[in-house]
Amino acid sequence: MIKYTEQDSHYRHLEQMAVEELLHNINKEDISVAHAVNKALPQITALVKKTVELLKNGGRLFYIGAGTSGRLGILDASECPPTFGVSPDLVVGIIAGGDKAIRKAVEGAEDDRDQAILDLQAYGIDSKDMVIGIAASGTTPYVIGGLKACREQQIKTGCITCNPGSPVTEHADYPVEVLTGPEFVTGSTRMKAGTAQKMVLNMITTSTMISLGYVKDNKMVDMQMSNQKLKERGALIIANQLSIDFESAKELLVKYGSVRAALESYEL
């Protein structure tokens, strides 16, 4: 199999480039990522529609990955509770090697084909859930093994990969292929491939949460009021939506505890 993410960079002798030239060329390559994601929109759409359907019926969304891919899944999952006010159990990121692999690589973890399903079973995964494998190369054994085991248990699967026709797509009901091509630094998939994965993950959870009703108009009405910045943002949303002054909006937020509750109480 030809791994496009492992092909030689279009650029040579990087060590001889001035900083300005390095940055210009990295940015030039990054610009191409959005176009690659755009081409994958039909695949992303199919994956999101099925995810929404499952979550509406009591399911959960799981990400599995190794290295950068695993970390990106954990990042996206961890942002859902503060942004949308959902339970931490609704979107879960799992990385090969466990939590210690978030900061430091765990040798051999991504090569274990049998561990991912064990990690998923610790959450009581079943046929109501969606499991998305994230693998830039599309060949990560941990991810492939996990998706294969899920399908054998009638659990719906998706994947995000940056290589066409890769093994991981064979075990994904809803594959997403974002073909970002060679990296600026040959094989460094934390760059364009990682950027593409982050964009797709943002699209999946944001569009899913909107479809599930966690956004009103264009506002995060269920966000957690966990710090002063978010409390001020919440009060500003209330003030603008209800056309009242900021201090009155703050009082409503304190009284009702959330933007949604404050808006709904005022409408009554």
C-alpha atoms as a PDB file:
ATOM      1  CA  MET A   1       0.000   0.000   0.000  1.00  0.00           C
ATOM      2  CA  ILE A   2       1.253   3.477  -0.910  1.00  0.00           C
ATOM      3  CA  LYS A   3       1.170   5.751   2.125  1.00  0.00           C
ATOM      4  CA  TYR A   4       0.723   9.260   0.805  1.00  0.00           C
ATOM      5  CA  THR A   5       1.413  10.641   4.278  1.00  0.00           C
ATOM      6  CA  GLU A   6       4.859   8.993   4.131  1.00  0.00           C
ATOM      7  CA  GLN A   7       5.866  10.279   0.695  1.00  0.00           C
ATOM      8  CA  ASP A   8       8.786  12.675   0.392  1.00  0.00           C
ATOM      9  CA  SER A   9       8.093  16.315   1.143  1.00  0.00           C
ATOM     10  CA  HIS A  10       7.721  18.626  -1.830  1.00  0.00           C
ATOM     11  CA  TYR A  11      10.477  20.709  -0.245  1.00  0.00           C
ATOM     12  CA  ARG A  12      14.197  19.922  -0.023  1.00  0.00           C
ATOM     13  CA  HIS A  13      17.039  21.099   2.218  1.00  0.00           C
ATOM     14  CA  LEU A  14      14.761  22.529   4.894  1.00  0.00           C
ATOM     15  CA  GLU A  15      17.751  23.196   7.133  1.00  0.00           C
ATOM     16  CA  GLN A  16      19.013  25.723   4.607  1.00  0.00           C
ATOM     17  CA  MET A  17      15.798  27.778   4.579  1.00  0.00           C
ATOM     18  CA  ALA A  18      15.481  31.057   6.438  1.00  0.00           C
ATOM     19  CA  VAL A  19      12.829  31.173   9.153  1.00  0.00           C
ATOM     20  CA  GLU A  20      10.623  33.365   6.953  1.00  0.00           C
ATOM     21  CA  GLU A  21      10.785  30.803   4.146  1.00  0.00           C
ATOM     22  CA  LEU A  22      10.053  27.909   6.500  1.00  0.00           C
ATOM     23  CA  LEU A  23       6.979  29.631   7.883  1.00  0.00           C
ATOM     24  CA  HIS A  24       5.734  30.662   4.437  1.00  0.00           C
ATOM     25  CA  ASN A  25       5.998  27.117   3.116  1.00  0.00           C
ATOM     26  CA  ILE A  26       4.412  25.515   6.174  1.00  0.00           C
ATOM     27  CA  ASN A  27       1.522  27.942   5.880  1.00  0.00           C
ATOM     28  CA  LYS A  28       1.231  27.246   2.160  1.00  0.00           C
ATOM     29  CA  GLU A  29       0.842  23.543   2.903  1.00  0.00           C
ATOM     30  CA  ASP A  30      -1.627  24.194   5.735  1.00  0.00           C
ATOM     31  CA  ILE A  31      -3.881  26.166   3.390  1.00  0.00           C
ATOM     32  CA  SER A  32      -4.359  23.026   1.320  1.00  0.00           C
ATOM     33  CA  VAL A  33      -5.820  21.132   4.293  1.00  0.00           C
ATOM     34  CA  ALA A  34      -9.196  22.896   4.241  1.00  0.00           C
ATOM     35  CA  HIS A  35      -9.589  22.018   0.564  1.00  0.00           C
ATOM     36  CA  ALA A  36      -8.866  18.365   1.347  1.00  0.00           C
ATOM     37  CA  VAL A  37     -11.476  18.396   4.114  1.00  0.00           C
ATOM     38  CA  ASN A  38     -13.983  19.995   1.744  1.00  0.00           C
ATOM     39  CA  LYS A  39     -13.636  17.063  -0.654  1.00  0.00           C
ATOM     40  CA  ALA A  40     -14.467  14.673   2.193  1.00  0.00           C
ATOM     41  CA  LEU A  41     -17.687  16.473   3.207  1.00  0.00           C
ATOM     42  CA  PRO A  42     -20.033  13.773   1.808  1.00  0.00           C
ATOM     43  CA  GLN A  43     -18.261  11.139   3.925  1.00  0.00           C
ATOM     44  CA  ILE A  44     -18.273  13.383   6.995  1.00  0.00           C
ATOM     45  CA  THR A  45     -21.977  14.068   6.479  1.00  0.00           C
ATOM     46  CA  ALA A  46     -22.840  10.369   6.445  1.00  0.00           C
ATOM     47  CA  LEU A  47     -20.804   9.770   9.608  1.00  0.00           C
ATOM     48  CA  VAL A  48     -22.379  12.685  11.477  1.00  0.00           C
ATOM     49  CA  LYS A  49     -25.943  11.731  10.509  1.00  0.00           C
ATOM     50  CA  LYS A  50     -25.468   8.220  11.875  1.00  0.00           C
ATOM     51  CA  THR A  51     -23.768   9.557  15.012  1.00  0.00           C
ATOM     52  CA  VAL A  52     -26.673  11.916  15.672  1.00  0.00           C
ATOM     53  CA  GLU A  53     -29.148   9.083  15.182  1.00  0.00           C
ATOM     54  CA  LEU A  54     -27.323   6.868  17.673  1.00  0.00           C
ATOM     55  CA  LEU A  55     -26.866   9.578  20.298  1.00  0.00           C
ATOM     56  CA  LYS A  56     -30.534  10.546  20.058  1.00  0.00           C
ATOM     57  CA  ASN A  57     -31.334   6.968  21.017  1.00  0.00           C
ATOM     58  CA  GLY A  58     -29.108   6.881  24.082  1.00  0.00           C
ATOM     59  CA  GLY A  59     -25.803   6.039  22.440  1.00  0.00           C
ATOM     60  CA  ARG A  60     -22.367   7.511  22.998  1.00  0.00           C
ATOM     61  CA  LEU A  61     -19.469   8.535  20.773  1.00  0.00           C
ATOM     62  CA  PHE A  62     -16.040   6.983  21.276  1.00  0.00           C
ATOM     63  CA  TYR A  63     -12.738   7.910  19.631  1.00  0.00           C
ATOM     64  CA  ILE A  64      -9.839   5.469  19.545  1.00  0.00           C
ATOM     65  CA  GLY A  65      -6.351   6.326  18.329  1.00  0.00           C
ATOM     66  CA  ALA A  66      -2.632   6.198  19.015  1.00  0.00           C
ATOM     67  CA  GLY A  67      -0.061   8.970  19.328  1.00  0.00           C
ATOM     68  CA  THR A  68      -1.108  12.308  17.840  1.00  0.00           C
ATOM     69  CA  SER A  69      -4.385  10.843  16.576  1.00  0.00           C
ATOM     70  CA  GLY A  70      -5.298   9.555  20.015  1.00  0.00           C
ATOM     71  CA  ARG A  71      -4.420  12.856  21.652  1.00  0.00           C
ATOM     72  CA  LEU A  72      -6.586  14.768  19.177  1.00  0.00           C
ATOM     73  CA  GLY A  73      -9.533  12.503  19.970  1.00  0.00           C
ATOM     74  CA  ILE A  74      -9.084  13.095  23.686  1.00  0.00           C
ATOM     75  CA  LEU A  75      -8.822  16.851  23.106  1.00  0.00           C
ATOM     76  CA  ASP A  76     -12.054  16.966  21.135  1.00  0.00           C
ATOM     77  CA  ALA A  77     -13.920  14.787  23.625  1.00  0.00           C
ATOM     78  CA  SER A  78     -12.696  16.799  26.612  1.00  0.00           C
ATOM     79  CA  GLU A  79     -14.020  20.046  25.129  1.00  0.00           C
ATOM     80  CA  CYS A  80     -17.605  18.799  24.810  1.00  0.00           C
ATOM     81  CA  PRO A  81     -18.679  19.073  28.487  1.00  0.00           C
ATOM     82  CA  PRO A  82     -17.550  22.697  29.007  1.00  0.00           C
ATOM     83  CA  THR A  83     -18.737  23.824  25.574  1.00  0.00           C
ATOM     84  CA  PHE A  84     -22.099  22.070  25.394  1.00  0.00           C
ATOM     85  CA  GLY A  85     -22.827  21.143  29.010  1.00  0.00           C
ATOM     86  CA  VAL A  86     -23.007  17.427  28.250  1.00  0.00           C
ATOM     87  CA  SER A  87     -21.883  14.553  30.445  1.00  0.00           C
ATOM     88  CA  PRO A  88     -18.208  13.545  30.128  1.00  0.00           C
ATOM     89  CA  ASP A  89     -19.530  10.078  29.294  1.00  0.00           C
ATOM     90  CA  LEU A  90     -21.254  11.206  26.075  1.00  0.00           C
ATOM     91  CA  VAL A  91     -18.059  11.682  24.031  1.00  0.00           C
ATOM     92  CA  VAL A  92     -15.033   9.672  25.156  1.00  0.00           C
ATOM     93  CA  GLY A  93     -11.488   9.716  23.795  1.00  0.00           C
ATOM     94  CA  ILE A  94      -9.301   6.629  24.274  1.00  0.00           C
ATOM     95  CA  ILE A  95      -5.586   6.493  23.451  1.00  0.00           C
ATOM     96  CA  ALA A  96      -3.391   3.431  23.004  1.00  0.00           C
ATOM     97  CA  GLY A  97      -1.284   3.048  26.129  1.00  0.00           C
ATOM     98  CA  GLY A  98      -3.802   4.715  28.412  1.00  0.00           C
ATOM     99  CA  ASP A  99      -3.758   8.181  29.954  1.00  0.00           C
ATOM    100  CA  LYS A 100       0.024   8.182  30.462  1.00  0.00           C
ATOM    101  CA  ALA A 101       0.358   8.105  26.657  1.00  0.00           C
ATOM    102  CA  ILE A 102      -1.250  11.553  26.446  1.00  0.00           C
ATOM    103  CA  ARG A 103       2.051  13.145  27.453  1.00  0.00           C
ATOM    104  CA  LYS A 104       4.607  10.488  26.622  1.00  0.00           C
ATOM    105  CA  ALA A 105       4.733   7.764  23.979  1.00  0.00           C
ATOM    106  CA  VAL A 106       4.151   4.245  25.295  1.00  0.00           C
ATOM    107  CA  GLU A 107       6.354   1.821  23.393  1.00  0.00           C
ATOM    108  CA  GLY A 108       4.471  -0.795  21.393  1.00  0.00           C
ATOM    109  CA  ALA A 109       1.005   0.340  22.496  1.00  0.00           C
ATOM    110  CA  GLU A 110      -0.214   1.135  18.999  1.00  0.00           C
ATOM    111  CA  ASP A 111       0.820  -2.305  17.720  1.00  0.00           C
ATOM    112  CA  ASP A 112      -1.542  -4.210  20.026  1.00  0.00           C
ATOM    113  CA  ARG A 113      -4.565  -5.221  17.922  1.00  0.00           C
ATOM    114  CA  ASP A 114      -6.462  -6.654  20.880  1.00  0.00           C
ATOM    115  CA  GLN A 115      -6.244  -3.840  23.426  1.00  0.00           C
ATOM    116  CA  ALA A 116      -8.667  -1.290  21.957  1.00  0.00           C
ATOM    117  CA  ILE A 117     -11.752  -3.451  22.381  1.00  0.00           C
ATOM    118  CA  LEU A 118     -10.712  -4.154  25.975  1.00  0.00           C
ATOM    119  CA  ASP A 119     -10.380  -0.415  26.571  1.00  0.00           C
ATOM    120  CA  LEU A 120     -13.828   0.125  25.045  1.00  0.00           C
ATOM    121  CA  GLN A 121     -15.412  -2.689  27.029  1.00  0.00           C
ATOM    122  CA  ALA A 122     -14.328  -0.938  30.215  1.00  0.00           C
ATOM    123  CA  TYR A 123     -17.009   1.632  29.302  1.00  0.00           C
ATOM    124  CA  GLY A 124     -19.672  -1.017  28.714  1.00  0.00           C
ATOM    125  CA  ILE A 125     -19.818  -0.289  24.988  1.00  0.00           C
ATOM    126  CA  ASP A 126     -22.748  -1.754  23.055  1.00  0.00           C
ATOM    127  CA  SER A 127     -24.666  -1.534  19.773  1.00  0.00           C
ATOM    128  CA  LYS A 128     -26.165   1.868  20.648  1.00  0.00           C
ATOM    129  CA  ASP A 129     -22.716   3.493  20.450  1.00  0.00           C
ATOM    130  CA  MET A 130     -20.520   4.845  17.647  1.00  0.00           C
ATOM    131  CA  VAL A 131     -16.771   4.176  17.585  1.00  0.00           C
ATOM    132  CA  ILE A 132     -14.530   6.311  15.368  1.00  0.00           C
ATOM    133  CA  GLY A 133     -10.956   5.210  14.784  1.00  0.00           C
ATOM    134  CA  ILE A 134      -8.450   7.985  14.098  1.00  0.00           C
ATOM    135  CA  ALA A 135      -5.312   6.968  12.183  1.00  0.00           C
ATOM    136  CA  ALA A 136      -3.461   9.254   9.804  1.00  0.00           C
ATOM    137  CA  SER A 137      -1.704   6.332   8.134  1.00  0.00           C
ATOM    138  CA  GLY A 138      -4.776   4.126   8.240  1.00  0.00           C
ATOM    139  CA  THR A 139      -2.611   1.201   9.311  1.00  0.00           C
ATOM    140  CA  THR A 140      -2.466   1.479  13.114  1.00  0.00           C
ATOM    141  CA  PRO A 141      -3.074  -2.046  14.520  1.00  0.00           C
ATOM    142  CA  TYR A 142      -4.663  -0.723  17.737  1.00  0.00           C
ATOM    143  CA  VAL A 143      -7.296   1.152  15.737  1.00  0.00           C
ATOM    144  CA  ILE A 144      -7.855  -1.538  13.104  1.00  0.00           C
ATOM    145  CA  GLY A 145      -8.249  -4.250  15.728  1.00  0.00           C
ATOM    146  CA  GLY A 146     -10.654  -2.103  17.722  1.00  0.00           C
ATOM    147  CA  LEU A 147     -12.903  -1.324  14.770  1.00  0.00           C
ATOM    148  CA  LYS A 148     -12.874  -4.937  13.587  1.00  0.00           C
ATOM    149  CA  ALA A 149     -13.930  -6.177  17.022  1.00  0.00           C
ATOM    150  CA  CYS A 150     -16.663  -3.543  17.223  1.00  0.00           C
ATOM    151  CA  ARG A 151     -18.181  -4.567  13.906  1.00  0.00           C
ATOM    152  CA  GLU A 152     -18.168  -8.191  15.024  1.00  0.00           C
ATOM    153  CA  GLN A 153     -20.287  -7.034  17.969  1.00  0.00           C
ATOM    154  CA  GLN A 154     -22.701  -5.062  15.746  1.00  0.00           C
ATOM    155  CA  ILE A 155     -21.314  -1.713  16.904  1.00  0.00           C
ATOM    156  CA  LYS A 156     -21.266   1.026  14.259  1.00  0.00           C
ATOM    157  CA  THR A 157     -17.824   2.298  13.281  1.00  0.00           C
ATOM    158  CA  GLY A 158     -16.249   5.234  11.492  1.00  0.00           C
ATOM    159  CA  CYS A 159     -12.695   6.329  10.817  1.00  0.00           C
ATOM    160  CA  ILE A 160     -10.654   9.394   9.961  1.00  0.00           C
ATOM    161  CA  THR A 161      -7.580   8.702   7.865  1.00  0.00           C
ATOM    162  CA  CYS A 162      -5.355  10.591   5.448  1.00  0.00           C
ATOM    163  CA  ASN A 163      -4.445   7.710   3.137  1.00  0.00           C
ATOM    164  CA  PRO A 164      -6.814   6.412   0.449  1.00  0.00           C
ATOM    165  CA  GLY A 165      -7.880   2.769   0.548  1.00  0.00           C
ATOM    166  CA  SER A 166      -6.060   2.113   3.814  1.00  0.00           C
ATOM    167  CA  PRO A 167      -6.787  -0.976   5.963  1.00  0.00           C
ATOM    168  CA  VAL A 168      -8.674   1.013   8.588  1.00  0.00           C
ATOM    169  CA  THR A 169     -11.405   1.864   6.065  1.00  0.00           C
ATOM    170  CA  GLU A 170     -12.132  -1.840   5.579  1.00  0.00           C
ATOM    171  CA  HIS A 171     -13.446  -1.987   9.141  1.00  0.00           C
ATOM    172  CA  ALA A 172     -15.329   1.339   9.137  1.00  0.00           C
ATOM    173  CA  ASP A 173     -19.012   1.560   8.251  1.00  0.00           C
ATOM    174  CA  TYR A 174     -18.531   5.291   7.734  1.00  0.00           C
ATOM    175  CA  PRO A 175     -14.960   5.999   6.552  1.00  0.00           C
ATOM    176  CA  VAL A 176     -13.659   9.544   6.166  1.00  0.00           C
ATOM    177  CA  GLU A 177     -10.579   9.957   3.965  1.00  0.00           C
ATOM    178  CA  VAL A 178      -8.957  13.390   3.976  1.00  0.00           C
ATOM    179  CA  LEU A 179      -6.105  13.215   1.489  1.00  0.00           C
ATOM    180  CA  THR A 180      -3.614  15.803   2.691  1.00  0.00           C
ATOM    181  CA  GLY A 181      -0.622  14.424   0.779  1.00  0.00           C
ATOM    182  CA  PRO A 182       3.062  14.555   1.779  1.00  0.00           C
ATOM    183  CA  GLU A 183       3.999  16.473   4.905  1.00  0.00           C
ATOM    184  CA  PHE A 184       6.338  19.477   4.947  1.00  0.00           C
ATOM    185  CA  VAL A 185       8.693  17.387   7.062  1.00  0.00           C
ATOM    186  CA  THR A 186       8.478  13.940   5.491  1.00  0.00           C
ATOM    187  CA  GLY A 187       6.237  11.627   7.521  1.00  0.00           C
ATOM    188  CA  SER A 188       5.469  14.160  10.276  1.00  0.00           C
ATOM    189  CA  THR A 189       1.717  13.558  10.379  1.00  0.00           C
ATOM    190  CA  ARG A 190       1.262  15.816  13.392  1.00  0.00           C
ATOM    191  CA  MET A 191       1.322  18.591  10.777  1.00  0.00           C
ATOM    192  CA  LYS A 192      -1.156  18.552   7.861  1.00  0.00           C
ATOM    193  CA  ALA A 193      -2.720  15.202   8.719  1.00  0.00           C
ATOM    194  CA  GLY A 194      -3.124  16.250  12.351  1.00  0.00           C
ATOM    195  CA  THR A 195      -4.645  19.565  11.310  1.00  0.00           C
ATOM    196  CA  ALA A 196      -7.111  17.750   9.042  1.00  0.00           C
ATOM    197  CA  GLN A 197      -8.075  15.339  11.808  1.00  0.00           C
ATOM    198  CA  LYS A 198      -8.635  18.222  14.232  1.00  0.00           C
ATOM    199  CA  MET A 199     -10.856  19.983  11.704  1.00  0.00           C
ATOM    200  CA  VAL A 200     -12.946  16.876  11.076  1.00  0.00           C
ATOM    201  CA  LEU A 201     -13.281  16.154  14.798  1.00  0.00           C
ATOM    202  CA  ASN A 202     -14.473  19.719  15.387  1.00  0.00           C
ATOM    203  CA  MET A 203     -17.026  19.277  12.621  1.00  0.00           C
ATOM    204  CA  ILE A 204     -18.289  15.960  13.973  1.00  0.00           C
ATOM    205  CA  THR A 205     -18.912  17.040  17.557  1.00  0.00           C
ATOM    206  CA  THR A 206     -20.061  20.582  16.789  1.00  0.00           C
ATOM    207  CA  SER A 207     -22.609  19.530  14.161  1.00  0.00           C
ATOM    208  CA  THR A 208     -23.731  16.601  16.326  1.00  0.00           C
ATOM    209  CA  MET A 209     -24.278  18.774  19.398  1.00  0.00           C
ATOM    210  CA  ILE A 210     -26.152  21.379  17.369  1.00  0.00           C
ATOM    211  CA  SER A 211     -28.358  18.622  15.953  1.00  0.00           C
ATOM    212  CA  LEU A 212     -29.009  17.351  19.482  1.00  0.00           C
ATOM    213  CA  GLY A 213     -30.185  20.801  20.594  1.00  0.00           C
ATOM    214  CA  TYR A 214     -27.230  22.023  22.647  1.00  0.00           C
ATOM    215  CA  VAL A 215     -26.956  25.293  20.704  1.00  0.00           C
ATOM    216  CA  LYS A 216     -29.679  27.940  20.445  1.00  0.00           C
ATOM    217  CA  ASP A 217     -29.456  30.331  17.503  1.00  0.00           C
ATOM    218  CA  ASN A 218     -25.647  30.460  17.352  1.00  0.00           C
ATOM    219  CA  LYS A 219     -24.979  30.518  21.083  1.00  0.00           C
ATOM    220  CA  MET A 220     -23.543  27.975  23.543  1.00  0.00           C
ATOM    221  CA  VAL A 221     -26.528  28.139  25.870  1.00  0.00           C
ATOM    222  CA  ASP A 222     -25.515  25.022  27.815  1.00  0.00           C
ATOM    223  CA  MET A 223     -21.837  25.839  28.390  1.00  0.00           C
ATOM    224  CA  GLN A 224     -20.513  25.333  31.898  1.00  0.00           C
ATOM    225  CA  MET A 225     -19.979  28.506  33.932  1.00  0.00           C
ATOM    226  CA  SER A 226     -16.603  27.307  35.185  1.00  0.00           C
ATOM    227  CA  ASN A 227     -14.667  30.590  35.202  1.00  0.00           C
ATOM    228  CA  GLN A 228     -15.160  34.352  35.130  1.00  0.00           C
ATOM    229  CA  LYS A 229     -14.673  34.617  31.368  1.00  0.00           C
ATOM    230  CA  LEU A 230     -17.449  32.127  30.687  1.00  0.00           C
ATOM    231  CA  LYS A 231     -19.760  33.757  33.228  1.00  0.00           C
ATOM    232  CA  GLU A 232     -19.289  37.086  31.441  1.00  0.00           C
ATOM    233  CA  ARG A 233     -19.844  35.433  28.065  1.00  0.00           C
ATOM    234  CA  GLY A 234     -23.026  33.855  29.396  1.00  0.00           C
ATOM    235  CA  ALA A 235     -24.308  37.153  30.750  1.00  0.00           C
ATOM    236  CA  LEU A 236     -23.533  38.855  27.433  1.00  0.00           C
ATOM    237  CA  ILE A 237     -25.508  36.206  25.548  1.00  0.00           C
ATOM    238  CA  ILE A 238     -28.473  36.739  27.861  1.00  0.00           C
ATOM    239  CA  ALA A 239     -28.233  40.524  27.559  1.00  0.00           C
ATOM    240  CA  ASN A 240     -28.140  40.408  23.771  1.00  0.00           C
ATOM    241  CA  GLN A 241     -30.846  37.778  23.379  1.00  0.00           C
ATOM    242  CA  LEU A 242     -33.263  39.484  25.762  1.00  0.00           C
ATOM    243  CA  SER A 243     -32.270  43.089  24.985  1.00  0.00           C
ATOM    244  CA  ILE A 244     -31.604  43.861  28.643  1.00  0.00           C
ATOM    245  CA  ASP A 245     -28.654  45.505  30.365  1.00  0.00           C
ATOM    246  CA  PHE A 246     -25.572  43.516  31.314  1.00  0.00           C
ATOM    247  CA  GLU A 247     -26.074  43.765  35.093  1.00  0.00           C
ATOM    248  CA  SER A 248     -29.628  42.451  34.847  1.00  0.00           C
ATOM    249  CA  ALA A 249     -28.355  39.628  32.668  1.00  0.00           C
ATOM    250  CA  LYS A 250     -25.736  38.721  35.279  1.00  0.00           C
ATOM    251  CA  GLU A 251     -28.446  38.592  37.938  1.00  0.00           C
ATOM    252  CA  LEU A 252     -30.514  36.249  35.803  1.00  0.00           C
ATOM    253  CA  LEU A 253     -27.514  34.003  35.214  1.00  0.00           C
ATOM    254  CA  VAL A 254     -26.767  33.806  38.950  1.00  0.00           C
ATOM    255  CA  LYS A 255     -30.415  33.097  39.701  1.00  0.00           C
ATOM    256  CA  TYR A 256     -30.946  30.339  37.148  1.00  0.00           C
ATOM    257  CA  GLY A 257     -27.420  28.908  36.852  1.00  0.00           C
ATOM    258  CA  SER A 258     -27.295  28.551  33.081  1.00  0.00           C
ATOM    259  CA  VAL A 259     -27.856  30.601  29.958  1.00  0.00           C
ATOM    260  CA  ARG A 260     -30.585  28.276  28.714  1.00  0.00           C
ATOM    261  CA  ALA A 261     -32.502  28.332  31.982  1.00  0.00           C
ATOM    262  CA  ALA A 262     -32.257  32.118  32.180  1.00  0.00           C
ATOM    263  CA  LEU A 263     -33.527  32.572  28.625  1.00  0.00           C
ATOM    264  CA  GLU A 264     -36.367  30.090  29.055  1.00  0.00           C
ATOM    265  CA  SER A 265     -37.465  31.631  32.371  1.00  0.00           C
ATOM    266  CA  TYR A 266     -37.602  35.078  30.784  1.00  0.00           C
ATOM    267  CA  GLU A 267     -39.615  33.802  27.845  1.00  0.00           C
ATOM    268  CA  LEU A 268     -42.181  32.406  30.272  1.00  0.00           C
END
